């Protein structure tokens, strides 16, 4: 498992280390999905890509913003963000392309 769960004052935390930002975000997304869903095997094969854009003010804010956006996607659509496909850092933003699958 490329991540571990840690105690956090608000609930539970996920700790991960990786050599690239893309792989770090992949590991954190996997850990998040394993907390959020008891079973995610019921995901359909159809999928779609979506690009999310976040301010590049800090890595910590990027992670929080990404996890919040994943929650929003899950709660407001019939899709689950299942993979980080690409991460690009622009001058003052990060563009993250995710793969979403229908539930």
Protein backbone atom coordinates (compact mmCIF):
# COMPACT_ATOMS: atom_id res chain seq x y z
CA UNK A 1 0.00 0.00 0.00
CA UNK A 2 1.62 3.27 -1.12
CA UNK A 3 -0.11 5.26 1.66
CA UNK A 4 -1.06 4.87 5.28
CA UNK A 5 -3.86 6.13 7.43
CA UNK A 6 -2.98 8.36 10.36
CA UNK A 7 -4.98 9.83 13.20
CA UNK A 8 -6.03 13.42 12.67
CA UNK A 9 -7.86 15.84 14.96
CA UNK A 10 -10.76 16.20 12.51
CA UNK A 11 -11.20 12.54 11.56
CA UNK A 12 -8.61 10.50 9.67
CA UNK A 13 -5.61 11.46 7.60
CA UNK A 14 -3.77 9.87 4.70
CA UNK A 15 0.00 10.00 4.54
CA UNK A 16 1.87 9.23 1.34
CA UNK A 17 5.28 9.86 -0.16
CA UNK A 18 6.26 9.55 -3.78
CA UNK A 19 8.93 10.83 -6.13
CA UNK A 20 6.48 12.61 -8.46
CA UNK A 21 3.49 14.84 -7.78
CA UNK A 22 1.32 12.81 -10.15
CA UNK A 23 2.05 9.54 -8.33
CA UNK A 24 1.62 11.21 -4.93
CA UNK A 25 -1.83 12.44 -5.95
CA UNK A 26 -2.69 8.99 -7.35
CA UNK A 27 -1.77 7.37 -4.02
CA UNK A 28 -3.77 9.93 -2.03
CA UNK A 29 -6.81 9.48 -4.31
CA UNK A 30 -6.64 5.71 -3.86
CA UNK A 31 -6.47 6.09 -0.08
CA UNK A 32 -9.35 8.56 -0.13
CA UNK A 33 -11.55 6.26 -2.23
CA UNK A 34 -10.86 3.34 0.10
CA UNK A 35 -12.09 5.46 3.01
CA UNK A 36 -15.08 6.90 1.17
CA UNK A 37 -16.41 3.64 -0.29
CA UNK A 38 -16.63 0.22 1.25
CA UNK A 39 -16.79 -1.36 -2.20
CA UNK A 40 -15.87 0.28 -5.44
CA UNK A 41 -16.01 -2.81 -7.63
CA UNK A 42 -19.46 -1.75 -8.88
CA UNK A 43 -17.98 0.92 -11.15
CA UNK A 44 -19.05 0.71 -14.80
CA UNK A 45 -16.54 0.45 -17.60
CA UNK A 46 -17.62 3.68 -19.32
CA UNK A 47 -15.42 6.60 -18.39
CA UNK A 48 -14.75 10.24 -19.13
CA UNK A 49 -11.91 12.66 -18.57
CA UNK A 50 -12.17 15.96 -16.75
CA UNK A 51 -9.53 18.62 -16.21
CA UNK A 52 -9.56 20.46 -12.90
CA UNK A 53 -7.68 23.71 -12.34
CA UNK A 54 -6.42 24.84 -8.93
CA UNK A 55 -4.30 27.75 -7.68
CA UNK A 56 -0.62 26.88 -7.30
CA UNK A 57 -0.20 28.61 -3.95
CA UNK A 58 0.93 25.52 -2.01
CA UNK A 59 1.11 21.75 -2.29
CA UNK A 60 -0.96 21.33 0.87
CA UNK A 61 -3.74 23.53 -0.53
CA UNK A 62 -3.61 21.64 -3.82
CA UNK A 63 -4.18 18.33 -2.04
CA UNK A 64 -7.05 19.71 0.06
CA UNK A 65 -8.63 21.37 -2.99
CA UNK A 66 -8.35 18.15 -5.01
CA UNK A 67 -9.91 16.00 -2.28
CA UNK A 68 -12.74 18.54 -1.83
CA UNK A 69 -13.38 18.53 -5.58
CA UNK A 70 -13.46 14.71 -5.57
CA UNK A 71 -16.08 14.79 -2.82
CA UNK A 72 -18.09 17.35 -4.81
CA UNK A 73 -17.94 15.17 -7.96
CA UNK A 74 -19.05 12.07 -6.05
CA UNK A 75 -21.88 13.87 -4.24
CA UNK A 76 -23.26 15.77 -7.24
CA UNK A 77 -22.91 13.29 -10.09
CA UNK A 78 -23.10 9.61 -10.76
CA UNK A 79 -19.35 9.44 -11.29
CA UNK A 80 -16.30 8.62 -9.21
CA UNK A 81 -12.85 10.09 -9.90
CA UNK A 82 -10.79 6.91 -10.12
CA UNK A 83 -7.44 7.97 -11.56
CA UNK A 84 -5.09 10.90 -11.94
CA UNK A 85 -4.07 10.92 -15.60
CA UNK A 86 -1.96 14.06 -15.86
CA UNK A 87 -0.66 16.89 -13.68
CA UNK A 88 0.63 20.12 -15.22
CA UNK A 89 2.00 23.09 -13.34
CA UNK A 90 1.46 26.38 -15.06
CA UNK A 91 2.78 29.70 -13.78
CA UNK A 92 0.14 30.14 -11.08
CA UNK A 93 -2.11 27.08 -11.45
CA UNK A 94 -2.10 23.30 -11.49
CA UNK A 95 -4.15 21.48 -14.14
CA UNK A 96 -5.07 17.95 -13.11
CA UNK A 97 -6.77 15.61 -15.57
CA UNK A 98 -8.76 12.88 -13.88
CA UNK A 99 -10.58 9.81 -15.14
CA UNK A 100 -14.15 9.47 -13.89
CA UNK A 101 -16.25 6.34 -14.08
CA UNK A 102 -19.97 5.93 -13.62
CA UNK A 103 -21.30 4.21 -10.53
